[in-house]
Amino acid sequence: MTSIQISALIFLICSAALLYWIGYRNGQADGRKHQPEPRPRRKAV
């Protein structure tokens, strides 16, 4: 492989990893946003 092909391969791998990481973080933030808020438990009388 030539140096251009190696650098293109490295770029593609890094791009895919970055895209996956951004999607993971976005999904995590989206899940926190749509999570129901915890309600305080009522005490038994």
PDB file of N, CA and C in Angstrom:
ATOM      1  N   MET A   1       0.847  -1.187   0.000  1.00  0.00           N
ATOM      2  CA  MET A   1       0.000   0.000   0.000  1.00  0.00           C
ATOM      3  C   MET A   1       0.885   1.240   0.000  1.00  0.00           C
ATOM      4  N   THR A   2       0.425   2.230  -0.708  1.00  0.00           N
ATOM      5  CA  THR A   2       1.180   3.479  -0.741  1.00  0.00           C
ATOM      6  C   THR A   2       0.859   4.300   0.501  1.00  0.00           C
ATOM      7  N   SER A   3       1.652   5.311   0.715  1.00  0.00           N
ATOM      8  CA  SER A   3       1.435   6.148   1.904  1.00  0.00           C
ATOM      9  C   SER A   3       0.109   6.899   1.822  1.00  0.00           C
ATOM     10  N   ILE A   4      -0.322   7.233   0.621  1.00  0.00           N
ATOM     11  CA  ILE A   4      -1.612   7.923   0.468  1.00  0.00           C
ATOM     12  C   ILE A   4      -2.755   6.974   0.839  1.00  0.00           C
ATOM     13  N   GLN A   5      -2.656   5.727   0.424  1.00  0.00           N
ATOM     14  CA  GLN A   5      -3.691   4.751   0.760  1.00  0.00           C
ATOM     15  C   GLN A   5      -3.728   4.479   2.260  1.00  0.00           C
ATOM     16  N   ILE A   6      -2.573   4.401   2.876  1.00  0.00           N
ATOM     17  CA  ILE A   6      -2.511   4.172   4.323  1.00  0.00           C
ATOM     18  C   ILE A   6      -3.120   5.349   5.074  1.00  0.00           C
ATOM     19  N   SER A   7      -2.782   6.556   4.664  1.00  0.00           N
ATOM     20  CA  SER A   7      -3.343   7.728   5.343  1.00  0.00           C
ATOM     21  C   SER A   7      -4.849   7.830   5.100  1.00  0.00           C
ATOM     22  N   ALA A   8      -5.320   7.451   3.906  1.00  0.00           N
ATOM     23  CA  ALA A   8      -6.759   7.456   3.639  1.00  0.00           C
ATOM     24  C   ALA A   8      -7.469   6.413   4.501  1.00  0.00           C
ATOM     25  N   LEU A   9      -6.852   5.253   4.678  1.00  0.00           N
ATOM     26  CA  LEU A   9      -7.430   4.210   5.519  1.00  0.00           C
ATOM     27  C   LEU A   9      -7.503   4.663   6.973  1.00  0.00           C
ATOM     28  N   ILE A  10      -6.453   5.281   7.453  1.00  0.00           N
ATOM     29  CA  ILE A  10      -6.447   5.807   8.824  1.00  0.00           C
ATOM     30  C   ILE A  10      -7.525   6.874   8.982  1.00  0.00           C
ATOM     31  N   PHE A  11      -7.661   7.745   7.990  1.00  0.00           N
ATOM     32  CA  PHE A  11      -8.683   8.787   8.028  1.00  0.00           C
ATOM     33  C   PHE A  11     -10.083   8.176   8.072  1.00  0.00           C
ATOM     34  N   LEU A  12     -10.326   7.145   7.257  1.00  0.00           N
ATOM     35  CA  LEU A  12     -11.644   6.513   7.246  1.00  0.00           C
ATOM     36  C   LEU A  12     -11.957   5.835   8.577  1.00  0.00           C
ATOM     37  N   ILE A  13     -10.978   5.177   9.157  1.00  0.00           N
ATOM     38  CA  ILE A  13     -11.193   4.517  10.451  1.00  0.00           C
ATOM     39  C   ILE A  13     -11.476   5.554  11.535  1.00  0.00           C
ATOM     40  N   CYS A  14     -10.711   6.636  11.543  1.00  0.00           N
ATOM     41  CA  CYS A  14     -10.933   7.697  12.538  1.00  0.00           C
ATOM     42  C   CYS A  14     -12.279   8.377  12.328  1.00  0.00           C
ATOM     43  N   SER A  15     -12.672   8.572  11.075  1.00  0.00           N
ATOM     44  CA  SER A  15     -13.968   9.191  10.789  1.00  0.00           C
ATOM     45  C   SER A  15     -15.113   8.313  11.278  1.00  0.00           C
ATOM     46  N   ALA A  16     -15.011   7.012  11.027  1.00  0.00           N
ATOM     47  CA  ALA A  16     -16.059   6.094  11.475  1.00  0.00           C
ATOM     48  C   ALA A  16     -16.130   6.063  12.997  1.00  0.00           C
ATOM     49  N   ALA A  17     -14.980   6.056  13.661  1.00  0.00           N
ATOM     50  CA  ALA A  17     -14.962   6.046  15.124  1.00  0.00           C
ATOM     51  C   ALA A  17     -15.556   7.334  15.686  1.00  0.00           C
ATOM     52  N   LEU A  18     -15.223   8.455  15.087  1.00  0.00           N
ATOM     53  CA  LEU A  18     -15.758   9.737  15.542  1.00  0.00           C
ATOM     54  C   LEU A  18     -17.266   9.803  15.335  1.00  0.00           C
ATOM     55  N   LEU A  19     -17.741   9.327  14.196  1.00  0.00           N
ATOM     56  CA  LEU A  19     -19.172   9.320  13.918  1.00  0.00           C
ATOM     57  C   LEU A  19     -19.914   8.424  14.907  1.00  0.00           C
ATOM     58  N   TYR A  20     -19.344   7.266  15.205  1.00  0.00           N
ATOM     59  CA  TYR A  20     -19.940   6.353  16.181  1.00  0.00           C
ATOM     60  C   TYR A  20     -19.981   6.992  17.566  1.00  0.00           C
ATOM     61  N   TRP A  21     -18.897   7.652  17.964  1.00  0.00           N
ATOM     62  CA  TRP A  21     -18.820   8.277  19.280  1.00  0.00           C
ATOM     63  C   TRP A  21     -19.829   9.416  19.398  1.00  0.00           C
ATOM     64  N   ILE A  22     -19.955  10.227  18.346  1.00  0.00           N
ATOM     65  CA  ILE A  22     -20.924  11.329  18.368  1.00  0.00           C
ATOM     66  C   ILE A  22     -22.343  10.776  18.475  1.00  0.00           C
ATOM     67  N   GLY A  23     -22.645   9.715  17.746  1.00  0.00           N
ATOM     68  CA  GLY A  23     -23.965   9.098  17.833  1.00  0.00           C
ATOM     69  C   GLY A  23     -24.241   8.528  19.209  1.00  0.00           C
ATOM     70  N   TYR A  24     -23.232   7.923  19.802  1.00  0.00           N
ATOM     71  CA  TYR A  24     -23.377   7.365  21.153  1.00  0.00           C
ATOM     72  C   TYR A  24     -23.663   8.472  22.155  1.00  0.00           C
ATOM     73  N   ARG A  25     -22.896   9.558  22.094  1.00  0.00           N
ATOM     74  CA  ARG A  25     -23.092  10.664  23.032  1.00  0.00           C
ATOM     75  C   ARG A  25     -24.447  11.331  22.805  1.00  0.00           C
ATOM     76  N   ASN A  26     -24.860  11.471  21.556  1.00  0.00           N
ATOM     77  CA  ASN A  26     -26.141  12.092  21.249  1.00  0.00           C
ATOM     78  C   ASN A  26     -27.285  11.215  21.763  1.00  0.00           C
ATOM     79  N   GLY A  27     -27.163   9.916  21.606  1.00  0.00           N
ATOM     80  CA  GLY A  27     -28.184   9.009  22.116  1.00  0.00           C
ATOM     81  C   GLY A  27     -28.254   9.024  23.628  1.00  0.00           C
ATOM     82  N   GLN A  28     -27.113   9.148  24.267  1.00  0.00           N
ATOM     83  CA  GLN A  28     -27.077   9.213  25.726  1.00  0.00           C
ATOM     84  C   GLN A  28     -27.773  10.487  26.219  1.00  0.00           C
ATOM     85  N   ALA A  29     -27.489  11.606  25.583  1.00  0.00           N
ATOM     86  CA  ALA A  29     -28.111  12.872  25.973  1.00  0.00           C
ATOM     87  C   ALA A  29     -29.610  12.841  25.691  1.00  0.00           C
ATOM     88  N   ASP A  30     -29.995  12.227  24.582  1.00  0.00           N
ATOM     89  CA  ASP A  30     -31.401  12.130  24.229  1.00  0.00           C
ATOM     90  C   ASP A  30     -32.144  11.257  25.237  1.00  0.00           C
ATOM     91  N   GLY A  31     -31.507  10.191  25.678  1.00  0.00           N
ATOM     92  CA  GLY A  31     -32.123   9.323  26.674  1.00  0.00           C
ATOM     93  C   GLY A  31     -32.316  10.023  28.003  1.00  0.00           C
ATOM     94  N   ARG A  32     -31.359  10.848  28.393  1.00  0.00           N
ATOM     95  CA  ARG A  32     -31.494  11.608  29.641  1.00  0.00           C
ATOM     96  C   ARG A  32     -32.616  12.633  29.534  1.00  0.00           C
ATOM     97  N   LYS A  33     -32.777  13.218  28.344  1.00  0.00           N
ATOM     98  CA  LYS A  33     -33.790  14.254  28.160  1.00  0.00           C
ATOM     99  C   LYS A  33     -35.193  13.661  28.251  1.00  0.00           C
ATOM    100  N   HIS A  34     -35.385  12.446  27.750  1.00  0.00           N
ATOM    101  CA  HIS A  34     -36.711  11.839  27.710  1.00  0.00           C
ATOM    102  C   HIS A  34     -36.982  10.905  28.884  1.00  0.00           C
ATOM    103  N   GLN A  35     -36.061  10.836  29.822  1.00  0.00           N
ATOM    104  CA  GLN A  35     -36.248   9.981  30.994  1.00  0.00           C
ATOM    105  C   GLN A  35     -37.237  10.656  31.940  1.00  0.00           C
ATOM    106  N   PRO A  36     -38.206   9.907  32.450  1.00  0.00           N
ATOM    107  CA  PRO A  36     -39.148  10.525  33.396  1.00  0.00           C
ATOM    108  C   PRO A  36     -38.431  10.952  34.670  1.00  0.00           C
ATOM    109  N   GLU A  37     -38.878  12.077  35.206  1.00  0.00           N
ATOM    110  CA  GLU A  37     -38.258  12.599  36.425  1.00  0.00           C
ATOM    111  C   GLU A  37     -38.668  11.737  37.617  1.00  0.00           C
ATOM    112  N   PRO A  38     -37.746  11.436  38.500  1.00  0.00           N
ATOM    113  CA  PRO A  38     -38.104  10.626  39.674  1.00  0.00           C
ATOM    114  C   PRO A  38     -38.996  11.433  40.615  1.00  0.00           C
ATOM    115  N   ARG A  39     -40.063  10.802  41.058  1.00  0.00           N
ATOM    116  CA  ARG A  39     -40.979  11.465  41.982  1.00  0.00           C
ATOM    117  C   ARG A  39     -40.627  11.036  43.397  1.00  0.00           C
ATOM    118  N   PRO A  40     -40.766  11.935  44.347  1.00  0.00           N
ATOM    119  CA  PRO A  40     -40.503  11.531  45.736  1.00  0.00           C
ATOM    120  C   PRO A  40     -41.557  10.529  46.195  1.00  0.00           C
ATOM    121  N   ARG A  41     -41.122   9.530  46.927  1.00  0.00           N
ATOM    122  CA  ARG A  41     -42.048   8.508  47.399  1.00  0.00           C
ATOM    123  C   ARG A  41     -42.855   9.043  48.575  1.00  0.00           C
ATOM    124  N   ARG A  42     -44.140   8.711  48.565  1.00  0.00           N
ATOM    125  CA  ARG A  42     -44.974   9.124  49.687  1.00  0.00           C
ATOM    126  C   ARG A  42     -44.772   8.166  50.839  1.00  0.00           C
ATOM    127  N   LYS A  43     -44.757   8.709  52.022  1.00  0.00           N
ATOM    128  CA  LYS A  43     -44.570   7.882  53.213  1.00  0.00           C
ATOM    129  C   LYS A  43     -45.900   7.259  53.617  1.00  0.00           C
ATOM    130  N   ALA A  44     -45.837   6.016  54.047  1.00  0.00           N
ATOM    131  CA  ALA A  44     -47.037   5.336  54.532  1.00  0.00           C
ATOM    132  C   ALA A  44     -47.414   5.908  55.897  1.00  0.00           C
ATOM    133  N   VAL A  45     -48.692   6.093  56.078  1.00  0.00           N
ATOM    134  CA  VAL A  45     -49.169   6.664  57.339  1.00  0.00           C
ATOM    135  C   VAL A  45     -49.701   5.591  58.239  1.00  0.00           C
TER     136      VAL A  45
END
